[in-house]
Amino acid sequence: MSIAEKDIDYQLAEPVTGFAQPKLAQILVLAQGDALLAKLTEQMASDAAVQGRSMRGTLSDAVNTADQPWGELDFVVFEVSDLNADLRALQALAPHDLQCVAVVRKPMVADAKTQLIEAGVAEILVVPVQDAETVKPEFQAEEAPKQSPDIASNISVILRARGGAGATTVAVNLALGISARTGGGKTALVDLDLQNGSVGLCLDMADSPEMTRLLKGETTADAAFLDQAMQTHSSGLDVLTAPDVFAPLTAVTAQDIGALLDLLSERYDNIVLDMPQAIVDWQEPVLARAGRVLVVTDMSVPSIKRTRRLIDLITEEHMTLPVETVVNFEKRPRFASQTHKEAARLIGRPLSHWIPQDTRAARRATDMGVPLQIGSKRSGAAKAIGSLAQSVLDTRRKG
């Protein structure tokens, strides 16, 4: 057993023994996979101050079982599954005055932690155990990330609330900002907008014939493909541009995207993905591997509504994935107006990042193929995106 695992054991023992009574404390352990259930049960059995039983399933399953003797229990240790379902189950258990300990396999975002604690959870423990049976069979080949569950993903996904929101400009300059802070050869920018990708245009680089070959099935996503397809910008940023032919968004498969992202993650410390505006089937393996999503929007009503829809779509299947908004074409206000407050309320989260409009600098950057981070470093937009790049790096270090 590693030191980290011993620390986890002590964490689990502490909330249990800390409330010890003269009689043995009664405990129920719930987990969805055999490996995690066995680990938690073993810890319970080694503690002389407690006794109880274990059960494979979710907290919601247990609450919905009519014959559970909640009045006889002192503790419930449960694996977090569906956050909303777990919150409802905790609400149902509130009258029983139980000590609840939540277990997760990887660190949670702050908002999710807060919701669990406010619902009555006394402790949240990170236990990085992987059960083969908890991975959905249909996802094993194409959607299961290779990353360790306790390591923050290095992939930043850029989505746009509407066409013309400036998402590609944000993606290009964000990747350049990250590369400038981490050194050449450590950051990759990938244009996954197969039909309208303009990353190459922004950087004065050619579109990718290798990406076209991948879409046509003439090559596969492997190390040799990356060697041929990745271009190095003069700044040191490595770039995979869009295909050099007009391709339908369905031309690439989820397996190809999953394999490509896994290869990129092995080679690069940081990856920025510029996504198409449309919702596509192969978006799921992207989100499964993502460390964060940045939705680029503006303050127009249609954009705010679409931002909310995008966030709802993402969090429906990836509730712990950090999603932040980037308000483009507008300087961060000193004091939030009523319009800003209403937009944040509709989106359901704060307006995190702001990029002021600099029409002249942006147009020059597009026409000359010289991004803001290089050609207009002193512009307000370049500085704001530089701050966003630092925020991404800081968040990953914390993760």
Protein backbone atom coordinates (compact mmCIF):
# COMPACT_ATOMS: atom_id res chain seq x y z
CA MET A 1 0.00 0.00 0.00
CA SER A 2 1.33 3.42 -0.96
CA ILE A 3 1.70 6.39 1.36
CA ALA A 4 -1.15 8.09 -0.47
CA GLU A 5 -3.41 5.13 0.18
CA LYS A 6 -2.45 5.13 3.86
CA ASP A 7 -3.40 8.79 4.05
CA ILE A 8 -6.78 7.93 2.56
CA ASP A 9 -7.25 5.21 5.14
CA TYR A 10 -6.54 7.66 7.94
CA GLN A 11 -8.95 10.15 6.40
CA LEU A 12 -11.66 7.53 6.37
CA ALA A 13 -10.95 6.44 9.93
CA GLU A 14 -10.95 9.96 11.34
CA PRO A 15 -14.56 10.95 10.67
CA VAL A 16 -15.70 7.55 11.92
CA THR A 17 -13.70 7.31 15.14
CA GLY A 18 -14.07 11.00 15.86
CA PHE A 19 -17.73 10.49 16.72
CA ALA A 20 -17.24 7.22 18.56
CA GLN A 21 -19.78 6.43 21.29
CA PRO A 22 -19.48 3.93 24.16
CA LYS A 23 -21.41 1.47 22.01
CA LEU A 24 -20.15 0.44 18.58
CA ALA A 25 -21.06 2.95 15.91
CA GLN A 26 -23.31 1.46 13.23
CA ILE A 27 -22.21 2.17 9.66
CA LEU A 28 -23.51 1.53 6.14
CA VAL A 29 -20.99 1.60 3.26
CA LEU A 30 -22.26 2.16 -0.30
CA ALA A 31 -20.23 1.98 -3.51
CA GLN A 32 -20.97 1.15 -7.13
CA GLY A 33 -17.87 -0.92 -7.94
CA ASP A 34 -16.38 -3.98 -6.25
CA ALA A 35 -12.87 -2.56 -5.84
CA LEU A 36 -13.97 0.59 -4.03
CA LEU A 37 -16.55 -1.32 -2.00
CA ALA A 38 -13.91 -3.82 -0.90
CA LYS A 39 -11.48 -1.03 0.07
CA LEU A 40 -14.05 0.80 2.17
CA THR A 41 -15.36 -2.42 3.75
CA GLU A 42 -11.83 -3.48 4.66
CA GLN A 43 -11.25 -0.16 6.40
CA MET A 44 -14.54 -0.49 8.29
CA ALA A 45 -13.64 -4.02 9.41
CA SER A 46 -10.25 -2.85 10.72
CA ASP A 47 -11.82 -0.24 12.99
CA ALA A 48 -12.75 -1.72 16.36
CA ALA A 49 -15.07 1.20 17.12
CA VAL A 50 -17.55 0.46 14.35
CA GLN A 51 -19.61 -2.33 12.93
CA GLY A 52 -22.00 -2.48 10.03
CA ARG A 53 -22.48 -3.71 6.52
CA SER A 54 -21.66 -2.82 2.94
CA MET A 55 -23.93 -2.65 -0.05
CA ARG A 56 -23.23 -2.25 -3.76
CA GLY A 57 -25.29 0.63 -5.14
CA THR A 58 -25.88 4.36 -4.85
CA LEU A 59 -27.14 6.42 -1.96
CA SER A 60 -30.32 7.00 -3.92
CA ASP A 61 -30.79 3.23 -4.31
CA ALA A 62 -30.46 2.75 -0.56
CA VAL A 63 -32.88 5.57 0.27
CA ASN A 64 -35.45 4.08 -2.10
CA THR A 65 -35.18 0.68 -0.41
CA ALA A 66 -38.10 0.49 1.98
CA ASP A 67 -36.56 -1.74 4.64
CA GLN A 68 -33.40 0.25 5.40
CA PRO A 69 -33.02 0.63 9.20
CA TRP A 70 -31.92 4.27 9.09
CA GLY A 71 -32.85 4.84 12.72
CA GLU A 72 -30.26 2.28 13.82
CA LEU A 73 -27.35 3.79 11.85
CA ASP A 74 -24.83 6.38 12.96
CA PHE A 75 -22.83 6.77 9.73
CA VAL A 76 -23.31 6.40 6.00
CA VAL A 77 -20.25 6.30 3.75
CA PHE A 78 -21.32 6.55 0.10
CA GLU A 79 -19.74 6.94 -3.30
CA VAL A 80 -20.91 10.06 -5.13
CA SER A 81 -22.74 9.07 -8.31
CA ASP A 82 -25.31 11.45 -9.78
CA LEU A 83 -24.89 14.68 -7.82
CA ASN A 84 -28.52 15.77 -8.06
CA ALA A 85 -29.78 12.32 -7.05
CA ASP A 86 -27.32 12.23 -4.14
CA LEU A 87 -28.49 15.67 -2.96
CA ARG A 88 -32.11 14.52 -3.01
CA ALA A 89 -31.16 11.38 -1.08
CA LEU A 90 -29.29 13.44 1.52
CA GLN A 91 -32.33 15.64 1.93
CA ALA A 92 -34.45 12.55 2.54
CA LEU A 93 -31.97 11.34 5.18
CA ALA A 94 -31.81 14.67 7.04
CA PRO A 95 -34.44 13.74 9.67
CA HIS A 96 -32.38 10.68 10.72
CA ASP A 97 -29.44 12.81 11.97
CA LEU A 98 -26.79 10.61 10.33
CA GLN A 99 -23.12 11.47 9.83
CA CYS A 100 -22.59 11.23 6.05
CA VAL A 101 -19.18 10.79 4.42
CA ALA A 102 -18.94 11.14 0.64
CA VAL A 103 -16.30 9.31 -1.39
CA VAL A 104 -15.14 10.36 -4.87
CA ARG A 105 -12.59 8.82 -7.20
CA LYS A 106 -11.09 12.15 -8.31
CA PRO A 107 -11.14 15.71 -6.93
CA MET A 108 -14.43 17.55 -7.35
CA VAL A 109 -15.00 21.13 -8.43
CA ALA A 110 -15.66 23.61 -5.63
CA ASP A 111 -19.34 24.11 -6.48
CA ALA A 112 -20.10 20.39 -6.18
CA LYS A 113 -18.22 20.17 -2.86
CA THR A 114 -20.17 23.12 -1.51
CA GLN A 115 -23.50 21.58 -2.48
CA LEU A 116 -22.66 18.31 -0.73
CA ILE A 117 -21.48 20.04 2.44
CA GLU A 118 -24.56 22.26 2.51
CA ALA A 119 -26.68 19.12 2.14
CA GLY A 120 -25.14 17.71 5.32
CA VAL A 121 -22.02 15.79 4.22
CA ALA A 122 -19.41 15.91 6.99
CA GLU A 123 -16.39 14.88 4.91
CA ILE A 124 -15.48 14.35 1.24
CA LEU A 125 -12.72 11.79 0.66
CA VAL A 126 -10.78 11.21 -2.56
CA VAL A 127 -10.13 7.48 -3.12
CA PRO A 128 -8.59 6.90 -6.58
CA VAL A 129 -9.80 3.35 -7.25
CA GLN A 130 -10.78 2.22 -10.77
CA ASP A 131 -13.40 -0.50 -11.26
CA ALA A 132 -13.58 -2.05 -14.72
CA GLU A 133 -17.26 -2.77 -14.25
CA THR A 134 -18.14 0.87 -13.57
CA VAL A 135 -17.03 1.91 -17.09
CA LYS A 136 -19.95 1.70 -19.49
CA PRO A 137 -19.12 -1.07 -22.01
CA GLU A 138 -20.15 1.03 -24.99
CA PHE A 139 -17.65 3.73 -23.94
CA GLN A 140 -14.63 1.49 -23.30
CA ALA A 141 -13.20 1.63 -26.81
CA GLU A 142 -13.76 5.26 -27.64
CA GLU A 143 -14.48 7.38 -24.61
CA ALA A 144 -12.46 6.16 -21.63
CA PRO A 145 -9.65 8.65 -20.95
CA LYS A 146 -6.23 7.17 -20.32
CA GLN A 147 -5.39 9.76 -17.71
CA SER A 148 -5.10 8.82 -14.06
CA PRO A 149 -8.35 9.67 -12.26
CA ASP A 150 -6.60 11.83 -9.66
CA ILE A 151 -4.68 14.01 -12.17
CA ALA A 152 -6.30 17.14 -13.61
CA SER A 153 -6.74 16.89 -17.38
CA ASN A 154 -4.52 19.05 -19.57
CA ILE A 155 -7.25 19.67 -22.19
CA SER A 156 -9.07 23.00 -22.46
CA VAL A 157 -12.13 22.92 -24.73
CA ILE A 158 -13.29 26.15 -26.40
CA LEU A 159 -16.99 26.30 -27.33
CA ARG A 160 -18.86 29.20 -28.91
CA ALA A 161 -22.32 30.42 -28.00
CA ARG A 162 -22.82 31.63 -31.59
CA GLY A 163 -20.96 32.08 -34.84
CA GLY A 164 -18.86 35.23 -34.75
CA ALA A 165 -18.40 35.11 -30.98
CA GLY A 166 -14.62 35.20 -31.45
CA ALA A 167 -13.99 31.71 -30.08
CA THR A 168 -11.17 30.93 -32.53
CA THR A 169 -9.41 34.17 -31.64
CA VAL A 170 -9.70 33.22 -27.97
CA ALA A 171 -8.47 29.67 -28.64
CA VAL A 172 -5.43 30.79 -30.68
CA ASN A 173 -4.35 33.49 -28.25
CA LEU A 174 -5.07 31.33 -25.21
CA ALA A 175 -2.80 28.59 -26.59
CA LEU A 176 -0.10 31.16 -27.37
CA GLY A 177 -0.42 32.62 -23.86
CA ILE A 178 -0.06 29.19 -22.27
CA SER A 179 2.88 28.32 -24.53
CA ALA A 180 4.66 31.57 -23.67
CA ARG A 181 4.36 30.73 -19.96
CA THR A 182 5.41 27.07 -20.21
CA GLY A 183 7.97 26.98 -23.01
CA GLY A 184 7.97 25.76 -26.61
CA GLY A 185 6.95 22.23 -27.50
CA LYS A 186 4.75 21.77 -24.44
CA THR A 187 1.44 23.16 -25.76
CA ALA A 188 -0.73 22.02 -28.67
CA LEU A 189 -3.55 23.89 -30.40
CA VAL A 190 -5.99 21.68 -32.33
CA ASP A 191 -8.59 22.94 -34.81
CA LEU A 192 -11.55 20.53 -34.67
CA ASP A 193 -13.86 22.82 -36.62
CA LEU A 194 -13.62 20.56 -39.67
CA GLN A 195 -15.77 22.71 -41.93
CA ASN A 196 -14.98 26.30 -41.00
CA GLY A 197 -11.74 26.02 -39.09
CA SER A 198 -9.65 29.18 -39.27
CA VAL A 199 -6.84 28.52 -36.80
CA GLY A 200 -4.42 28.22 -39.71
CA LEU A 201 -5.55 31.57 -41.09
CA CYS A 202 -5.02 33.26 -37.72
CA LEU A 203 -1.48 31.91 -37.52
CA ASP A 204 -0.60 32.19 -41.22
CA MET A 205 -0.19 28.40 -41.41
CA ALA A 206 -1.38 25.94 -44.06
CA ASP A 207 -4.40 23.72 -43.55
CA SER A 208 -3.60 20.09 -42.89
CA PRO A 209 -3.47 17.45 -45.65
CA GLU A 210 -2.74 14.85 -42.95
CA MET A 211 -6.03 15.69 -41.21
CA THR A 212 -7.75 15.20 -44.56
CA ARG A 213 -6.16 11.77 -44.90
CA LEU A 214 -7.40 10.88 -41.42
CA LEU A 215 -10.96 11.86 -42.34
CA LYS A 216 -10.76 9.79 -45.54
CA GLY A 217 -9.57 6.74 -43.62
CA GLU A 218 -6.20 6.75 -45.38
CA THR A 219 -4.28 6.97 -42.10
CA THR A 220 -4.90 6.38 -38.40
CA ALA A 221 -4.41 8.52 -35.32
CA ASP A 222 -1.05 7.27 -34.11
CA ALA A 223 2.37 8.66 -33.23
CA ALA A 224 3.42 8.72 -36.88
CA PHE A 225 0.33 10.76 -37.72
CA LEU A 226 1.21 13.35 -35.08
CA ASP A 227 4.79 13.55 -36.36
CA GLN A 228 3.47 14.40 -39.82
CA ALA A 229 0.42 16.49 -38.91
CA MET A 230 1.67 18.80 -36.15
CA GLN A 231 3.16 22.08 -37.38
CA THR A 232 5.36 24.25 -35.18
CA HIS A 233 4.58 27.95 -35.17
CA SER A 234 7.44 30.46 -34.92
CA SER A 235 6.36 31.07 -31.30
CA GLY A 236 7.04 27.44 -30.38
CA LEU A 237 3.35 26.48 -30.27
CA ASP A 238 2.54 23.16 -31.99
CA VAL A 239 -0.61 23.32 -34.13
CA LEU A 240 -2.91 20.82 -35.83
CA THR A 241 -4.85 22.84 -38.37
CA ALA A 242 -8.18 21.97 -40.01
CA PRO A 243 -8.31 19.66 -43.07
CA ASP A 244 -7.45 21.23 -46.40
CA VAL A 245 -10.76 20.15 -47.93
CA PHE A 246 -14.34 20.94 -46.95
CA ALA A 247 -15.41 17.97 -44.82
CA PRO A 248 -18.68 17.05 -43.13
CA LEU A 249 -18.56 17.08 -39.35
CA THR A 250 -19.49 13.39 -39.37
CA ALA A 251 -16.38 12.47 -41.37
CA VAL A 252 -14.45 11.77 -38.18
CA THR A 253 -15.43 9.10 -35.67
CA ALA A 254 -15.51 9.19 -31.89
CA GLN A 255 -12.82 6.48 -31.86
CA ASP A 256 -10.52 8.64 -34.00
CA ILE A 257 -11.04 11.69 -31.78
CA GLY A 258 -10.52 9.68 -28.61
CA ALA A 259 -7.31 8.13 -29.94
CA LEU A 260 -6.06 11.52 -31.15
CA LEU A 261 -6.64 13.19 -27.79
CA ASP A 262 -4.96 10.35 -25.90
CA LEU A 263 -1.89 10.68 -28.12
CA LEU A 264 -1.81 14.44 -27.68
CA SER A 265 -2.14 14.09 -23.90
CA GLU A 266 0.88 11.80 -23.81
CA ARG A 267 2.98 14.24 -25.82
CA TYR A 268 1.90 17.68 -24.57
CA ASP A 269 1.48 19.27 -21.16
CA ASN A 270 -1.34 21.55 -22.36
CA ILE A 271 -3.88 21.16 -25.17
CA VAL A 272 -6.38 23.73 -26.45
CA LEU A 273 -9.22 22.50 -28.67
CA ASP A 274 -11.19 24.85 -30.93
CA MET A 275 -14.56 23.14 -31.44
CA PRO A 276 -17.25 23.63 -34.11
CA GLN A 277 -20.44 25.47 -33.29
CA ALA A 278 -22.58 22.42 -34.06
CA ILE A 279 -23.20 19.65 -31.53
CA VAL A 280 -21.64 16.45 -32.89
CA ASP A 281 -21.54 12.80 -31.79
CA TRP A 282 -17.77 12.83 -31.28
CA GLN A 283 -18.07 15.68 -28.78
CA GLU A 284 -18.66 13.13 -26.00
CA PRO A 285 -15.11 11.68 -25.96
CA VAL A 286 -13.81 15.25 -26.01
CA LEU A 287 -15.77 16.18 -22.89
CA ALA A 288 -14.87 12.87 -21.24
CA ARG A 289 -11.20 13.84 -21.45
CA ALA A 290 -11.53 17.58 -20.83
CA GLY A 291 -10.16 19.36 -17.80
CA ARG A 292 -12.24 22.47 -18.39
CA VAL A 293 -14.66 24.02 -20.88
CA LEU A 294 -14.65 27.70 -21.79
CA VAL A 295 -17.84 28.94 -23.47
CA VAL A 296 -17.15 32.12 -25.46
CA THR A 297 -20.20 34.39 -25.60
CA ASP A 298 -21.28 38.01 -25.70
CA MET A 299 -23.97 39.85 -23.79
CA SER A 300 -26.71 39.54 -26.42
CA VAL A 301 -29.84 37.70 -25.32
CA PRO A 302 -29.53 34.91 -27.96
CA SER A 303 -25.93 34.24 -26.93
CA ILE A 304 -26.77 34.10 -23.24
CA LYS A 305 -29.62 31.67 -23.92
CA ARG A 306 -27.41 29.43 -26.04
CA THR A 307 -24.69 29.55 -23.38
CA ARG A 308 -27.18 28.22 -20.84
CA ARG A 309 -28.22 25.44 -23.22
CA LEU A 310 -24.61 24.46 -23.84
CA ILE A 311 -23.86 24.35 -20.12
CA ASP A 312 -26.99 22.27 -19.44
CA LEU A 313 -25.99 19.85 -22.21
CA ILE A 314 -22.47 19.48 -20.82
CA THR A 315 -23.38 19.10 -17.16
CA GLU A 316 -26.12 16.57 -17.88
CA GLU A 317 -23.46 13.91 -18.46
CA HIS A 318 -20.37 15.61 -16.97
CA MET A 319 -21.62 17.31 -13.83
CA THR A 320 -18.16 17.74 -12.26
CA LEU A 321 -16.51 19.16 -15.39
CA PRO A 322 -15.57 22.83 -14.78
CA VAL A 323 -17.41 25.09 -17.25
CA GLU A 324 -16.62 28.82 -17.31
CA THR A 325 -17.92 31.68 -19.41
CA VAL A 326 -15.75 34.05 -21.42
CA VAL A 327 -17.57 37.29 -22.26
CA ASN A 328 -16.00 38.58 -25.45
CA PHE A 329 -16.06 42.12 -26.87
CA GLU A 330 -16.68 43.68 -23.46
CA LYS A 331 -14.44 45.07 -20.75
CA ARG A 332 -14.86 43.70 -17.25
CA PRO A 333 -17.20 46.11 -15.47
CA ARG A 334 -16.11 47.70 -12.23
CA PHE A 335 -19.60 47.08 -10.85
CA ALA A 336 -21.96 44.51 -12.32
CA SER A 337 -25.01 46.08 -13.93
CA GLN A 338 -28.49 44.66 -13.61
CA THR A 339 -28.04 43.22 -17.11
CA HIS A 340 -24.88 41.42 -16.05
CA LYS A 341 -26.53 40.07 -12.92
CA GLU A 342 -29.51 38.81 -14.90
CA ALA A 343 -27.22 37.14 -17.45
CA ALA A 344 -25.31 35.37 -14.68
CA ARG A 345 -28.60 34.25 -13.16
CA LEU A 346 -29.85 32.85 -16.48
CA ILE A 347 -26.58 31.03 -17.11
CA GLY A 348 -26.51 29.70 -13.57
CA ARG A 349 -22.90 30.66 -12.88
CA PRO A 350 -20.72 33.78 -12.76
CA LEU A 351 -19.45 35.60 -15.82
CA SER A 352 -15.88 34.53 -15.16
CA HIS A 353 -13.69 36.12 -17.81
CA TRP A 354 -13.99 39.30 -19.88
CA ILE A 355 -12.16 40.28 -23.07
CA PRO A 356 -12.54 43.92 -24.17
CA GLN A 357 -13.18 44.76 -27.81
CA ASP A 358 -10.25 46.02 -29.83
CA THR A 359 -11.54 46.07 -33.39
CA ARG A 360 -8.43 47.51 -35.03
CA ALA A 361 -6.00 45.11 -33.36
CA ALA A 362 -8.25 42.11 -33.99
CA ARG A 363 -8.73 42.93 -37.68
CA ARG A 364 -5.02 43.48 -38.19
CA ALA A 365 -4.26 40.20 -36.46
CA THR A 366 -6.66 38.31 -38.73
CA ASP A 367 -5.51 39.96 -41.96
CA MET A 368 -1.79 39.62 -41.24
CA GLY A 369 -1.88 36.22 -39.55
CA VAL A 370 -0.23 37.75 -36.49
CA PRO A 371 -2.20 36.95 -33.31
CA LEU A 372 -2.87 39.51 -30.60
CA GLN A 373 -0.47 37.80 -28.19
CA ILE A 374 2.35 38.47 -30.66
CA GLY A 375 1.45 41.56 -32.69
CA SER A 376 -0.59 43.57 -30.14
CA LYS A 377 0.72 42.51 -26.75
CA ARG A 378 -0.27 45.79 -25.12
CA SER A 379 -3.89 45.73 -26.28
CA GLY A 380 -6.56 45.21 -23.67
CA ALA A 381 -7.75 42.04 -25.41
CA ALA A 382 -4.26 40.52 -25.43
CA LYS A 383 -3.77 41.26 -21.75
CA ALA A 384 -7.16 39.80 -20.85
CA ILE A 385 -6.48 36.58 -22.75
CA GLY A 386 -3.04 36.43 -21.12
CA SER A 387 -4.76 36.55 -17.73
CA LEU A 388 -7.10 33.78 -18.89
CA ALA A 389 -4.07 31.66 -19.87
CA GLN A 390 -2.56 32.15 -16.42
CA SER A 391 -5.90 31.23 -14.84
CA VAL A 392 -5.99 27.96 -16.79
CA LEU A 393 -2.47 27.08 -15.68
CA ASP A 394 -3.20 28.00 -12.05
CA THR A 395 -6.38 25.93 -12.04
CA ARG A 396 -4.57 22.90 -13.38
CA ARG A 397 -1.82 23.17 -10.77
CA LYS A 398 -4.46 23.28 -8.04
CA GLY A 399 -6.19 20.30 -9.63
